[in-house]
Each structure stands twice: as C-alpha cells, then as structure tokens.
Amino acid sequence: MGHTQRRRARARLPGGGDRLLAGLLAVLAGSAEGGPAGAVVAVEGVVVAVAAVRRITPRGMLAMRPGLPVATMALFCCAFAFFAVDGFVPLLLTAVDGRSVWRGSW
C-alpha cells in the first residue's frame, strides 16, 4: 500500500460511515432546497444512507435476532430516546412554561 493510499484510507470513516454522512447531508440539503431538484437530492440521500446503514449494522438488526443485532438495536433506541428528549425539553420549557431560551436550554 502506497503513501497516498494509506492517507486516503485514514481520511475515510470506517465501515461506510462516510457514505452514511454523505447521505444524511444530501437529505438535509435536498429538504432545505425544496422543489423538484431538492426532492431528487433528498431521495438520493435516503438511498445512499440506507445502503450505508445496511453495511454498518449487523445482519438481523431490524428483525431483532438474538445476540449482537438486538444489542445494537437497543443501543440505537437508547441513543434515539436520549437525543429526542434532549431536543424536546428546551422546547417544552420555552413554549409551554414560558421561560426564556437561555433559561430553557440551561
């Protein structure tokens, strides 16, 4: 392996993570763009992200097979719940309780 190949290999995220990041960024860019061009970019981003997730995650994760797949799904659910609550609590405190943004996000 030459010097440039090693540097390229280090620049990529392991296991298809770079493809997942590219797909998610395309989805965000497409939804921000709007219109038919934005929809095309968003759909392409979803296709790339799904292909990357299938490569990263163990087989049987969505089917909840015993072992590593179910443990991976449990970690994903816990992370999703944490970040959902982390984004919702400041919104709740500012919109419902009437606190300032500074006080609600603290």
PDB file of N, CA and C in Angstrom:
ATOM      1  N   MET A   1       0.853  -1.176   0.000  1.00  0.00           N
ATOM      2  CA  MET A   1       0.000   0.000   0.000  1.00  0.00           C
ATOM      3  C   MET A   1       0.895   1.234   0.000  1.00  0.00           C
ATOM      4  N   GLY A   2       0.686   2.105  -0.974  1.00  0.00           N
ATOM      5  CA  GLY A   2       1.495   3.300  -1.090  1.00  0.00           C
ATOM      6  C   GLY A   2       1.096   4.371  -0.084  1.00  0.00           C
ATOM      7  N   HIS A   3       1.908   5.439  -0.081  1.00  0.00           N
ATOM      8  CA  HIS A   3       1.686   6.531   0.876  1.00  0.00           C
ATOM      9  C   HIS A   3       0.337   7.219   0.649  1.00  0.00           C
ATOM     10  N   THR A   4      -0.032   7.471  -0.606  1.00  0.00           N
ATOM     11  CA  THR A   4      -1.304   8.159  -0.877  1.00  0.00           C
ATOM     12  C   THR A   4      -2.493   7.271  -0.560  1.00  0.00           C
ATOM     13  N   GLN A   5      -2.365   5.964  -0.782  1.00  0.00           N
ATOM     14  CA  GLN A   5      -3.469   5.049  -0.453  1.00  0.00           C
ATOM     15  C   GLN A   5      -3.701   4.987   1.043  1.00  0.00           C
ATOM     16  N   ARG A   6      -2.618   4.985   1.842  1.00  0.00           N
ATOM     17  CA  ARG A   6      -2.781   4.972   3.292  1.00  0.00           C
ATOM     18  C   ARG A   6      -3.440   6.254   3.783  1.00  0.00           C
ATOM     19  N   ARG A   7      -3.058   7.387   3.192  1.00  0.00           N
ATOM     20  CA  ARG A   7      -3.648   8.653   3.616  1.00  0.00           C
ATOM     21  C   ARG A   7      -5.132   8.697   3.263  1.00  0.00           C
ATOM     22  N   ARG A   8      -5.505   8.188   2.092  1.00  0.00           N
ATOM     23  CA  ARG A   8      -6.916   8.125   1.726  1.00  0.00           C
ATOM     24  C   ARG A   8      -7.686   7.192   2.642  1.00  0.00           C
ATOM     25  N   ALA A   9      -7.084   6.074   2.989  1.00  0.00           N
ATOM     26  CA  ALA A   9      -7.753   5.122   3.880  1.00  0.00           C
ATOM     27  C   ALA A   9      -7.979   5.737   5.252  1.00  0.00           C
ATOM     28  N   ARG A  10      -7.050   6.554   5.736  1.00  0.00           N
ATOM     29  CA  ARG A  10      -7.229   7.202   7.030  1.00  0.00           C
ATOM     30  C   ARG A  10      -8.277   8.296   6.966  1.00  0.00           C
ATOM     31  N   ALA A  11      -8.449   8.927   5.806  1.00  0.00           N
ATOM     32  CA  ALA A  11      -9.398  10.032   5.687  1.00  0.00           C
ATOM     33  C   ALA A  11     -10.843   9.556   5.676  1.00  0.00           C
ATOM     34  N   ARG A  12     -11.074   8.310   5.314  1.00  0.00           N
ATOM     35  CA  ARG A  12     -12.441   7.784   5.258  1.00  0.00           C
ATOM     36  C   ARG A  12     -12.881   7.303   6.627  1.00  0.00           C
ATOM     37  N   LEU A  13     -14.156   7.439   6.900  1.00  0.00           N
ATOM     38  CA  LEU A  13     -14.713   6.905   8.135  1.00  0.00           C
ATOM     39  C   LEU A  13     -14.839   5.392   7.997  1.00  0.00           C
ATOM     40  N   PRO A  14     -14.672   4.642   9.064  1.00  0.00           N
ATOM     41  CA  PRO A  14     -14.692   3.183   8.952  1.00  0.00           C
ATOM     42  C   PRO A  14     -16.083   2.627   8.693  1.00  0.00           C
ATOM     43  N   GLY A  15     -16.132   1.559   7.931  1.00  0.00           N
ATOM     44  CA  GLY A  15     -17.356   0.787   7.759  1.00  0.00           C
ATOM     45  C   GLY A  15     -18.486   1.472   7.012  1.00  0.00           C
ATOM     46  N   GLY A  16     -18.225   2.387   6.134  1.00  0.00           N
ATOM     47  CA  GLY A  16     -19.292   3.040   5.390  1.00  0.00           C
ATOM     48  C   GLY A  16     -19.858   4.260   6.089  1.00  0.00           C
ATOM     49  N   GLY A  17     -19.224   4.705   7.159  1.00  0.00           N
ATOM     50  CA  GLY A  17     -19.708   5.889   7.872  1.00  0.00           C
ATOM     51  C   GLY A  17     -19.659   7.148   7.023  1.00  0.00           C
ATOM     52  N   ASP A  18     -18.685   7.207   6.108  1.00  0.00           N
ATOM     53  CA  ASP A  18     -18.617   8.369   5.222  1.00  0.00           C
ATOM     54  C   ASP A  18     -19.799   8.402   4.260  1.00  0.00           C
ATOM     55  N   ARG A  19     -20.237   7.230   3.807  1.00  0.00           N
ATOM     56  CA  ARG A  19     -21.414   7.183   2.927  1.00  0.00           C
ATOM     57  C   ARG A  19     -22.683   7.572   3.683  1.00  0.00           C
ATOM     58  N   LEU A  20     -22.770   7.137   4.928  1.00  0.00           N
ATOM     59  CA  LEU A  20     -23.928   7.497   5.741  1.00  0.00           C
ATOM     60  C   LEU A  20     -23.969   9.008   5.953  1.00  0.00           C
ATOM     61  N   LEU A  21     -22.841   9.590   6.273  1.00  0.00           N
ATOM     62  CA  LEU A  21     -22.771  11.039   6.470  1.00  0.00           C
ATOM     63  C   LEU A  21     -23.125  11.779   5.182  1.00  0.00           C
ATOM     64  N   ALA A  22     -22.619  11.307   4.055  1.00  0.00           N
ATOM     65  CA  ALA A  22     -22.939  11.942   2.774  1.00  0.00           C
ATOM     66  C   ALA A  22     -24.425  11.830   2.472  1.00  0.00           C
ATOM     67  N   GLY A  23     -25.018  10.683   2.763  1.00  0.00           N
ATOM     68  CA  GLY A  23     -26.453  10.511   2.510  1.00  0.00           C
ATOM     69  C   GLY A  23     -27.299  11.412   3.385  1.00  0.00           C
ATOM     70  N   LEU A  24     -26.942  11.500   4.666  1.00  0.00           N
ATOM     71  CA  LEU A  24     -27.721  12.361   5.562  1.00  0.00           C
ATOM     72  C   LEU A  24     -27.577  13.831   5.196  1.00  0.00           C
ATOM     73  N   LEU A  25     -26.376  14.242   4.802  1.00  0.00           N
ATOM     74  CA  LEU A  25     -26.194  15.627   4.372  1.00  0.00           C
ATOM     75  C   LEU A  25     -26.981  15.924   3.097  1.00  0.00           C
ATOM     76  N   ALA A  26     -27.061  14.948   2.191  1.00  0.00           N
ATOM     77  CA  ALA A  26     -27.850  15.137   0.975  1.00  0.00           C
ATOM     78  C   ALA A  26     -29.334  15.262   1.303  1.00  0.00           C
ATOM     79  N   VAL A  27     -29.809  14.483   2.275  1.00  0.00           N
ATOM     80  CA  VAL A  27     -31.213  14.591   2.681  1.00  0.00           C
ATOM     81  C   VAL A  27     -31.490  15.977   3.238  1.00  0.00           C
ATOM     82  N   LEU A  28     -30.596  16.458   4.093  1.00  0.00           N
ATOM     83  CA  LEU A  28     -30.776  17.800   4.662  1.00  0.00           C
ATOM     84  C   LEU A  28     -30.709  18.879   3.589  1.00  0.00           C
ATOM     85  N   ALA A  29     -29.763  18.756   2.661  1.00  0.00           N
ATOM     86  CA  ALA A  29     -29.638  19.753   1.601  1.00  0.00           C
ATOM     87  C   ALA A  29     -30.852  19.729   0.682  1.00  0.00           C
ATOM     88  N   GLY A  30     -31.336  18.545   0.375  1.00  0.00           N
ATOM     89  CA  GLY A  30     -32.497  18.433  -0.500  1.00  0.00           C
ATOM     90  C   GLY A  30     -33.748  18.992   0.137  1.00  0.00           C
ATOM     91  N   SER A  31     -33.926  18.735   1.431  1.00  0.00           N
ATOM     92  CA  SER A  31     -35.119  19.268   2.089  1.00  0.00           C
ATOM     93  C   SER A  31     -35.026  20.776   2.277  1.00  0.00           C
ATOM     94  N   ALA A  32     -33.832  21.302   2.416  1.00  0.00           N
ATOM     95  CA  ALA A  32     -33.677  22.755   2.538  1.00  0.00           C
ATOM     96  C   ALA A  32     -33.864  23.439   1.192  1.00  0.00           C
ATOM     97  N   GLU A  33     -33.487  22.757   0.107  1.00  0.00           N
ATOM     98  CA  GLU A  33     -33.594  23.343  -1.232  1.00  0.00           C
ATOM     99  C   GLU A  33     -35.044  23.466  -1.659  1.00  0.00           C
ATOM    100  N   GLY A  34     -35.825  22.429  -1.427  1.00  0.00           N
ATOM    101  CA  GLY A  34     -37.227  22.452  -1.843  1.00  0.00           C
ATOM    102  C   GLY A  34     -37.373  22.252  -3.342  1.00  0.00           C
ATOM    103  N   GLY A  35     -38.581  22.115  -3.783  1.00  0.00           N
ATOM    104  CA  GLY A  35     -38.857  21.942  -5.207  1.00  0.00           C
ATOM    105  C   GLY A  35     -38.466  20.564  -5.701  1.00  0.00           C
ATOM    106  N   PRO A  36     -38.594  20.362  -7.024  1.00  0.00           N
ATOM    107  CA  PRO A  36     -38.282  19.049  -7.599  1.00  0.00           C
ATOM    108  C   PRO A  36     -36.807  18.675  -7.467  1.00  0.00           C
ATOM    109  N   ALA A  37     -35.901  19.631  -7.627  1.00  0.00           N
ATOM    110  CA  ALA A  37     -34.469  19.332  -7.517  1.00  0.00           C
ATOM    111  C   ALA A  37     -34.129  18.917  -6.092  1.00  0.00           C
ATOM    112  N   GLY A  38     -34.723  19.595  -5.129  1.00  0.00           N
ATOM    113  CA  GLY A  38     -34.480  19.240  -3.731  1.00  0.00           C
ATOM    114  C   GLY A  38     -35.020  17.867  -3.393  1.00  0.00           C
ATOM    115  N   ALA A  39     -36.166  17.521  -3.972  1.00  0.00           N
ATOM    116  CA  ALA A  39     -36.748  16.197  -3.732  1.00  0.00           C
ATOM    117  C   ALA A  39     -35.858  15.103  -4.309  1.00  0.00           C
ATOM    118  N   VAL A  40     -35.283  15.351  -5.471  1.00  0.00           N
ATOM    119  CA  VAL A  40     -34.392  14.363  -6.092  1.00  0.00           C
ATOM    120  C   VAL A  40     -33.150  14.168  -5.227  1.00  0.00           C
ATOM    121  N   VAL A  41     -32.570  15.271  -4.748  1.00  0.00           N
ATOM    122  CA  VAL A  41     -31.380  15.177  -3.905  1.00  0.00           C
ATOM    123  C   VAL A  41     -31.713  14.458  -2.598  1.00  0.00           C
ATOM    124  N   ALA A  42     -32.876  14.754  -2.024  1.00  0.00           N
ATOM    125  CA  ALA A  42     -33.272  14.107  -0.774  1.00  0.00           C
ATOM    126  C   ALA A  42     -33.478  12.610  -0.966  1.00  0.00           C
ATOM    127  N   VAL A  43     -34.116  12.208  -2.056  1.00  0.00           N
ATOM    128  CA  VAL A  43     -34.330  10.786  -2.323  1.00  0.00           C
ATOM    129  C   VAL A  43     -32.999  10.074  -2.551  1.00  0.00           C
ATOM    130  N   GLU A  44     -32.098  10.706  -3.290  1.00  0.00           N
ATOM    131  CA  GLU A  44     -30.769  10.114  -3.483  1.00  0.00           C
ATOM    132  C   GLU A  44     -30.038   9.982  -2.156  1.00  0.00           C
ATOM    133  N   GLY A  45     -30.189  10.968  -1.290  1.00  0.00           N
ATOM    134  CA  GLY A  45     -29.564  10.898   0.025  1.00  0.00           C
ATOM    135  C   GLY A  45     -30.109   9.758   0.858  1.00  0.00           C
ATOM    136  N   VAL A  46     -31.410   9.535   0.783  1.00  0.00           N
ATOM    137  CA  VAL A  46     -32.014   8.425   1.525  1.00  0.00           C
ATOM    138  C   VAL A  46     -31.478   7.094   1.004  1.00  0.00           C
ATOM    139  N   VAL A  47     -31.359   6.958  -0.298  1.00  0.00           N
ATOM    140  CA  VAL A  47     -30.844   5.709  -0.884  1.00  0.00           C
ATOM    141  C   VAL A  47     -29.413   5.453  -0.419  1.00  0.00           C
ATOM    142  N   VAL A  48     -28.581   6.483  -0.442  1.00  0.00           N
ATOM    143  CA  VAL A  48     -27.191   6.326  -0.005  1.00  0.00           C
ATOM    144  C   VAL A  48     -27.128   6.007   1.481  1.00  0.00           C
ATOM    145  N   ALA A  49     -27.942   6.688   2.296  1.00  0.00           N
ATOM    146  CA  ALA A  49     -27.932   6.459   3.740  1.00  0.00           C
ATOM    147  C   ALA A  49     -28.409   5.051   4.083  1.00  0.00           C
ATOM    148  N   VAL A  50     -29.452   4.569   3.414  1.00  0.00           N
ATOM    149  CA  VAL A  50     -29.955   3.218   3.686  1.00  0.00           C
ATOM    150  C   VAL A  50     -28.910   2.177   3.297  1.00  0.00           C
ATOM    151  N   ALA A  51     -28.251   2.370   2.171  1.00  0.00           N
ATOM    152  CA  ALA A  51     -27.203   1.430   1.763  1.00  0.00           C
ATOM    153  C   ALA A  51     -26.061   1.419   2.771  1.00  0.00           C
ATOM    154  N   ALA A  52     -25.715   2.582   3.302  1.00  0.00           N
ATOM    155  CA  ALA A  52     -24.637   2.650   4.292  1.00  0.00           C
ATOM    156  C   ALA A  52     -25.049   2.003   5.605  1.00  0.00           C
ATOM    157  N   VAL A  53     -26.283   2.221   6.036  1.00  0.00           N
ATOM    158  CA  VAL A  53     -26.753   1.621   7.285  1.00  0.00           C
ATOM    159  C   VAL A  53     -26.776   0.103   7.170  1.00  0.00           C
ATOM    160  N   ARG A  54     -27.165  -0.405   6.025  1.00  0.00           N
ATOM    161  CA  ARG A  54     -27.182  -1.866   5.824  1.00  0.00           C
ATOM    162  C   ARG A  54     -25.777  -2.429   5.908  1.00  0.00           C
ATOM    163  N   ARG A  55     -24.785  -1.635   5.490  1.00  0.00           N
ATOM    164  CA  ARG A  55     -23.399  -2.104   5.538  1.00  0.00           C
ATOM    165  C   ARG A  55     -22.817  -2.000   6.948  1.00  0.00           C
ATOM    166  N   ILE A  56     -23.222  -0.995   7.696  1.00  0.00           N
ATOM    167  CA  ILE A  56     -22.657  -0.751   9.023  1.00  0.00           C
ATOM    168  C   ILE A  56     -23.248  -1.687  10.072  1.00  0.00           C
ATOM    169  N   THR A  57     -24.539  -1.877  10.043  1.00  0.00           N
ATOM    170  CA  THR A  57     -25.208  -2.625  11.105  1.00  0.00           C
ATOM    171  C   THR A  57     -25.114  -4.133  10.862  1.00  0.00           C
ATOM    172  N   PRO A  58     -25.185  -4.921  11.934  1.00  0.00           N
ATOM    173  CA  PRO A  58     -25.131  -6.377  11.761  1.00  0.00           C
ATOM    174  C   PRO A  58     -26.421  -6.907  11.145  1.00  0.00           C
ATOM    175  N   ARG A  59     -26.318  -8.032  10.470  1.00  0.00           N
ATOM    176  CA  ARG A  59     -27.496  -8.655   9.861  1.00  0.00           C
ATOM    177  C   ARG A  59     -28.493  -9.040  10.944  1.00  0.00           C
ATOM    178  N   GLY A  60     -29.759  -8.803  10.673  1.00  0.00           N
ATOM    179  CA  GLY A  60     -30.797  -9.177  11.617  1.00  0.00           C
ATOM    180  C   GLY A  60     -31.126  -8.117  12.649  1.00  0.00           C
ATOM    181  N   MET A  61     -30.573  -6.902  12.501  1.00  0.00           N
ATOM    182  CA  MET A  61     -30.843  -5.866  13.494  1.00  0.00           C
ATOM    183  C   MET A  61     -32.313  -5.455  13.477  1.00  0.00           C
ATOM    184  N   LEU A  62     -32.875  -5.264  12.307  1.00  0.00           N
ATOM    185  CA  LEU A  62     -34.276  -4.856  12.233  1.00  0.00           C
ATOM    186  C   LEU A  62     -35.222  -5.996  12.591  1.00  0.00           C
ATOM    187  N   ALA A  63     -34.770  -7.237  12.430  1.00  0.00           N
ATOM    188  CA  ALA A  63     -35.583  -8.385  12.810  1.00  0.00           C
ATOM    189  C   ALA A  63     -35.426  -8.722  14.290  1.00  0.00           C
ATOM    190  N   MET A  64     -34.526  -8.023  14.985  1.00  0.00           N
ATOM    191  CA  MET A  64     -34.272  -8.208  16.420  1.00  0.00           C
ATOM    192  C   MET A  64     -33.837  -9.639  16.728  1.00  0.00           C
ATOM    193  N   ARG A  65     -32.922 -10.171  15.939  1.00  0.00           N
ATOM    194  CA  ARG A  65     -32.389 -11.511  16.211  1.00  0.00           C
ATOM    195  C   ARG A  65     -31.539 -11.475  17.472  1.00  0.00           C
ATOM    196  N   PRO A  66     -31.477 -12.567  18.203  1.00  0.00           N
ATOM    197  CA  PRO A  66     -30.707 -12.585  19.451  1.00  0.00           C
ATOM    198  C   PRO A  66     -29.215 -12.339  19.221  1.00  0.00           C
ATOM    199  N   GLY A  67     -28.570 -11.784  20.233  1.00  0.00           N
ATOM    200  CA  GLY A  67     -27.133 -11.564  20.171  1.00  0.00           C
ATOM    201  C   GLY A  67     -26.807 -10.123  19.829  1.00  0.00           C
ATOM    202  N   LEU A  68     -25.801  -9.958  18.991  1.00  0.00           N
ATOM    203  CA  LEU A  68     -25.328  -8.630  18.621  1.00  0.00           C
ATOM    204  C   LEU A  68     -26.395  -7.770  17.936  1.00  0.00           C
ATOM    205  N   PRO A  69     -27.227  -8.317  17.037  1.00  0.00           N
ATOM    206  CA  PRO A  69     -28.242  -7.467  16.400  1.00  0.00           C
ATOM    207  C   PRO A  69     -29.202  -6.826  17.393  1.00  0.00           C
ATOM    208  N   VAL A  70     -29.692  -7.568  18.380  1.00  0.00           N
ATOM    209  CA  VAL A  70     -30.636  -6.992  19.327  1.00  0.00           C
ATOM    210  C   VAL A  70     -29.930  -6.000  20.255  1.00  0.00           C
ATOM    211  N   ALA A  71     -28.668  -6.252  20.585  1.00  0.00           N
ATOM    212  CA  ALA A  71     -27.923  -5.302  21.410  1.00  0.00           C
ATOM    213  C   ALA A  71     -27.684  -4.000  20.657  1.00  0.00           C
ATOM    214  N   THR A  72     -27.393  -4.107  19.373  1.00  0.00           N
ATOM    215  CA  THR A  72     -27.198  -2.914  18.560  1.00  0.00           C
ATOM    216  C   THR A  72     -28.488  -2.111  18.455  1.00  0.00           C
ATOM    217  N   MET A  73     -29.612  -2.778  18.272  1.00  0.00           N
ATOM    218  CA  MET A  73     -30.892  -2.089  18.186  1.00  0.00           C
ATOM    219  C   MET A  73     -31.241  -1.423  19.513  1.00  0.00           C
ATOM    220  N   ALA A  74     -30.936  -2.089  20.631  1.00  0.00           N
ATOM    221  CA  ALA A  74     -31.200  -1.496  21.945  1.00  0.00           C
ATOM    222  C   ALA A  74     -30.374  -0.239  22.148  1.00  0.00           C
ATOM    223  N   LEU A  75     -29.110  -0.262  21.748  1.00  0.00           N
ATOM    224  CA  LEU A  75     -28.277   0.937  21.861  1.00  0.00           C
ATOM    225  C   LEU A  75     -28.796   2.051  20.968  1.00  0.00           C
ATOM    226  N   PHE A  76     -29.235   1.703  19.765  1.00  0.00           N
ATOM    227  CA  PHE A  76     -29.796   2.705  18.860  1.00  0.00           C
ATOM    228  C   PHE A  76     -31.046   3.346  19.469  1.00  0.00           C
ATOM    229  N   CYS A  77     -31.919   2.529  20.045  1.00  0.00           N
ATOM    230  CA  CYS A  77     -33.152   3.058  20.657  1.00  0.00           C
ATOM    231  C   CYS A  77     -32.848   3.952  21.841  1.00  0.00           C
ATOM    232  N   CYS A  78     -31.877   3.555  22.654  1.00  0.00           N
ATOM    233  CA  CYS A  78     -31.494   4.397  23.800  1.00  0.00           C
ATOM    234  C   CYS A  78     -30.913   5.725  23.331  1.00  0.00           C
ATOM    235  N   ALA A  79     -30.063   5.693  22.323  1.00  0.00           N
ATOM    236  CA  ALA A  79     -29.476   6.931  21.808  1.00  0.00           C
ATOM    237  C   ALA A  79     -30.547   7.814  21.193  1.00  0.00           C
ATOM    238  N   PHE A  80     -31.475   7.218  20.450  1.00  0.00           N
ATOM    239  CA  PHE A  80     -32.557   7.997  19.844  1.00  0.00           C
ATOM    240  C   PHE A  80     -33.420   8.651  20.915  1.00  0.00           C
ATOM    241  N   ALA A  81     -33.748   7.899  21.966  1.00  0.00           N
ATOM    242  CA  ALA A  81     -34.576   8.452  23.047  1.00  0.00           C
ATOM    243  C   ALA A  81     -33.849   9.591  23.749  1.00  0.00           C
ATOM    244  N   PHE A  82     -32.560   9.433  24.002  1.00  0.00           N
ATOM    245  CA  PHE A  82     -31.803  10.481  24.667  1.00  0.00           C
ATOM    246  C   PHE A  82     -31.795  11.767  23.851  1.00  0.00           C
ATOM    247  N   PHE A  83     -31.472  11.660  22.564  1.00  0.00           N
ATOM    248  CA  PHE A  83     -31.387  12.868  21.749  1.00  0.00           C
ATOM    249  C   PHE A  83     -32.759  13.476  21.471  1.00  0.00           C
ATOM    250  N   ALA A  84     -33.793  12.662  21.422  1.00  0.00           N
ATOM    251  CA  ALA A  84     -35.144  13.205  21.255  1.00  0.00           C
ATOM    252  C   ALA A  84     -35.544  14.020  22.474  1.00  0.00           C
ATOM    253  N   VAL A  85     -35.289  13.495  23.662  1.00  0.00           N
ATOM    254  CA  VAL A  85     -35.615  14.222  24.887  1.00  0.00           C
ATOM    255  C   VAL A  85     -34.730  15.453  25.030  1.00  0.00           C
ATOM    256  N   ASP A  86     -33.461  15.309  24.652  1.00  0.00           N
ATOM    257  CA  ASP A  86     -32.525  16.426  24.754  1.00  0.00           C
ATOM    258  C   ASP A  86     -32.969  17.608  23.892  1.00  0.00           C
ATOM    259  N   GLY A  87     -33.609  17.347  22.780  1.00  0.00           N
ATOM    260  CA  GLY A  87     -34.118  18.424  21.946  1.00  0.00           C
ATOM    261  C   GLY A  87     -35.499  18.901  22.364  1.00  0.00           C
ATOM    262  N   PHE A  88     -36.269  18.036  22.981  1.00  0.00           N
ATOM    263  CA  PHE A  88     -37.644  18.379  23.322  1.00  0.00           C
ATOM    264  C   PHE A  88     -37.768  19.172  24.617  1.00  0.00           C
ATOM    265  N   VAL A  89     -36.924  18.906  25.593  1.00  0.00           N
ATOM    266  CA  VAL A  89     -37.037  19.579  26.892  1.00  0.00           C
ATOM    267  C   VAL A  89     -36.874  21.093  26.771  1.00  0.00           C
ATOM    268  N   PRO A  90     -35.857  21.624  26.067  1.00  0.00           N
ATOM    269  CA  PRO A  90     -35.785  23.081  25.920  1.00  0.00           C
ATOM    270  C   PRO A  90     -37.008  23.661  25.200  1.00  0.00           C
ATOM    271  N   LEU A  91     -37.528  22.945  24.200  1.00  0.00           N
ATOM    272  CA  LEU A  91     -38.732  23.401  23.517  1.00  0.00           C
ATOM    273  C   LEU A  91     -39.908  23.449  24.473  1.00  0.00           C
ATOM    274  N   LEU A  92     -40.058  22.436  25.284  1.00  0.00           N
ATOM    275  CA  LEU A  92     -41.129  22.388  26.270  1.00  0.00           C
ATOM    276  C   LEU A  92     -41.006  23.530  27.273  1.00  0.00           C
ATOM    277  N   LEU A  93     -39.807  23.768  27.766  1.00  0.00           N
ATOM    278  CA  LEU A  93     -39.612  24.810  28.769  1.00  0.00           C
ATOM    279  C   LEU A  93     -39.849  26.205  28.203  1.00  0.00           C
ATOM    280  N   THR A  94     -39.520  26.427  26.946  1.00  0.00           N
ATOM    281  CA  THR A  94     -39.710  27.756  26.368  1.00  0.00           C
ATOM    282  C   THR A  94     -41.133  27.961  25.865  1.00  0.00           C
ATOM    283  N   ALA A  95     -41.714  26.970  25.189  1.00  0.00           N
ATOM    284  CA  ALA A  95     -43.040  27.155  24.589  1.00  0.00           C
ATOM    285  C   ALA A  95     -44.170  26.980  25.593  1.00  0.00           C
ATOM    286  N   VAL A  96     -44.072  26.022  26.481  1.00  0.00           N
ATOM    287  CA  VAL A  96     -45.166  25.727  27.400  1.00  0.00           C
ATOM    288  C   VAL A  96     -45.003  26.470  28.717  1.00  0.00           C
ATOM    289  N   ASP A  97     -43.814  26.431  29.282  1.00  0.00           N
ATOM    290  CA  ASP A  97     -43.588  27.029  30.588  1.00  0.00           C
ATOM    291  C   ASP A  97     -43.304  28.527  30.502  1.00  0.00           C
ATOM    292  N   GLY A  98     -42.980  29.023  29.315  1.00  0.00           N
ATOM    293  CA  GLY A  98     -42.773  30.453  29.124  1.00  0.00           C
ATOM    294  C   GLY A  98     -41.418  30.960  29.583  1.00  0.00           C
ATOM    295  N   ARG A  99     -40.459  30.081  29.766  1.00  0.00           N
ATOM    296  CA  ARG A  99     -39.128  30.528  30.171  1.00  0.00           C
ATOM    297  C   ARG A  99     -38.377  31.097  28.981  1.00  0.00           C
ATOM    298  N   SER A 100     -37.333  31.852  29.271  1.00  0.00           N
ATOM    299  CA  SER A 100     -36.505  32.392  28.187  1.00  0.00           C
ATOM    300  C   SER A 100     -35.711  31.250  27.563  1.00  0.00           C
ATOM    301  N   VAL A 101     -35.202  31.498  26.358  1.00  0.00           N
ATOM    302  CA  VAL A 101     -34.420  30.481  25.660  1.00  0.00           C
ATOM    303  C   VAL A 101     -33.161  30.169  26.463  1.00  0.00           C
ATOM    304  N   TRP A 102     -32.550  31.181  27.039  1.00  0.00           N
ATOM    305  CA  TRP A 102     -31.344  30.955  27.828  1.00  0.00           C
ATOM    306  C   TRP A 102     -31.653  30.062  29.027  1.00  0.00           C
ATOM    307  N   ARG A 103     -32.723  30.323  29.713  1.00  0.00           N
ATOM    308  CA  ARG A 103     -33.074  29.547  30.903  1.00  0.00           C
ATOM    309  C   ARG A 103     -33.571  28.154  30.518  1.00  0.00           C
ATOM    310  N   GLY A 104     -34.262  28.039  29.398  1.00  0.00           N
ATOM    311  CA  GLY A 104     -34.788  26.733  28.992  1.00  0.00           C
ATOM    312  C   GLY A 104     -33.729  25.780  28.473  1.00  0.00           C
ATOM    313  N   SER A 105     -32.652  26.303  27.925  1.00  0.00           N
ATOM    314  CA  SER A 105     -31.623  25.432  27.374  1.00  0.00           C
ATOM    315  C   SER A 105     -30.506  25.165  28.362  1.00  0.00           C
ATOM    316  N   TRP A 106     -30.615  25.700  29.545  1.00  0.00           N
ATOM    317  CA  TRP A 106     -29.551  25.517  30.532  1.00  0.00           C
ATOM    318  C   TRP A 106     -29.675  24.291  31.280  1.00  0.00           C
TER     319      TRP A 106
END
